């Protein structure tokens, strides 16, 4: 869209995209941690109750990603409106 406009967008648009990408990376990291911890617990025969913390941190990360997704969708819609010819 910036190429179509031939000018850069406001800094808030880039910031929103960066925060969304960061939230995606956090969710990926939490999911990997959960998988590794489940695998290690299965090997050790530990009780399943310890996995609740992993699930809660993953749920919080997904919740934050949901918020950033809504923000970035709105931001991109605004950027599109600025890009379209009048």
Protein backbone atom coordinates (compact mmCIF):
# COMPACT_ATOMS: atom_id res chain seq x y z
CA UNK A 1 0.00 0.00 0.00
CA UNK A 2 2.90 2.33 0.67
CA UNK A 3 4.16 1.74 -2.86
CA UNK A 4 0.73 2.51 -4.29
CA UNK A 5 0.61 5.74 -2.32
CA UNK A 6 4.21 6.64 -3.11
CA UNK A 7 4.63 7.84 0.46
CA UNK A 8 5.11 6.19 3.85
CA UNK A 9 2.26 5.71 6.28
CA UNK A 10 2.01 7.12 9.76
CA UNK A 11 4.36 5.54 12.32
CA UNK A 12 1.40 4.10 14.27
CA UNK A 13 0.64 1.74 11.39
CA UNK A 14 4.14 0.26 11.49
CA UNK A 15 3.97 0.06 15.27
CA UNK A 16 0.68 -1.86 15.17
CA UNK A 17 2.12 -4.33 12.66
CA UNK A 18 5.27 -4.80 14.74
CA UNK A 19 3.25 -5.44 17.92
CA UNK A 20 1.11 -7.97 16.10
CA UNK A 21 4.17 -9.81 14.79
CA UNK A 22 5.64 -9.81 18.30
CA UNK A 23 2.39 -11.27 19.69
CA UNK A 24 2.52 -14.03 17.07
CA UNK A 25 6.08 -14.89 18.08
CA UNK A 26 5.07 -15.01 21.76
CA UNK A 27 2.22 -17.44 20.99
CA UNK A 28 4.57 -19.63 18.96
CA UNK A 29 7.09 -19.64 21.80
CA UNK A 30 4.47 -20.49 24.44
CA UNK A 31 3.13 -23.32 22.29
CA UNK A 32 6.62 -24.76 21.81
CA UNK A 33 7.22 -24.54 25.57
CA UNK A 34 3.94 -26.34 26.22
CA UNK A 35 4.82 -29.15 23.81
CA UNK A 36 8.31 -29.60 25.27
CA UNK A 37 7.00 -29.62 28.84
CA UNK A 38 4.26 -32.13 28.03
CA UNK A 39 6.81 -34.39 26.36
CA UNK A 40 9.19 -34.14 29.33
CA UNK A 41 6.40 -34.84 31.84
CA UNK A 42 5.29 -37.91 29.90
CA UNK A 43 8.83 -39.25 29.95
CA UNK A 44 9.12 -38.67 33.70
CA UNK A 45 5.62 -39.86 34.56
CA UNK A 46 4.77 -36.60 36.34
CA UNK A 47 1.15 -35.71 37.12
CA UNK A 48 -0.80 -33.70 34.56
CA UNK A 49 -1.68 -30.84 36.97
CA UNK A 50 1.64 -29.12 36.35
CA UNK A 51 0.61 -28.44 32.75
CA UNK A 52 -2.03 -25.93 33.83
CA UNK A 53 0.56 -23.16 34.07
CA UNK A 54 1.65 -23.80 30.48
CA UNK A 55 -1.93 -23.69 29.30
CA UNK A 56 -2.62 -20.46 31.17
CA UNK A 57 0.42 -18.69 29.72
CA UNK A 58 -0.56 -19.89 26.25
CA UNK A 59 -4.12 -18.67 26.78
CA UNK A 60 -2.88 -15.25 27.87
CA UNK A 61 -0.62 -15.04 24.83
CA UNK A 62 -3.51 -15.97 22.53
CA UNK A 63 -5.70 -13.39 24.20
CA UNK A 64 -3.09 -10.69 23.61
CA UNK A 65 -2.69 -11.82 20.01
CA UNK A 66 -6.45 -11.52 19.57
CA UNK A 67 -6.32 -7.91 20.75
CA UNK A 68 -3.43 -7.06 18.43
CA UNK A 69 -5.19 -8.82 15.54
CA UNK A 70 -8.24 -6.58 15.94
CA UNK A 71 -6.04 -3.50 16.14
CA UNK A 72 -3.99 -4.40 13.10
CA UNK A 73 -7.12 -5.19 11.07
CA UNK A 74 -8.49 -1.75 11.87
CA UNK A 75 -5.13 -0.17 11.14
CA UNK A 76 -4.86 -1.90 7.78
CA UNK A 77 -8.40 -0.88 6.89
CA UNK A 78 -7.48 2.74 7.61
CA UNK A 79 -4.32 2.39 5.54
CA UNK A 80 -6.37 0.99 2.68
CA UNK A 81 -8.77 3.93 2.88
CA UNK A 82 -5.80 6.29 2.65
CA UNK A 83 -4.45 4.36 -0.33
CA UNK A 84 -7.61 4.23 -2.45
CA UNK A 85 -8.08 7.02 -4.97
CA UNK A 86 -10.62 9.62 -3.98
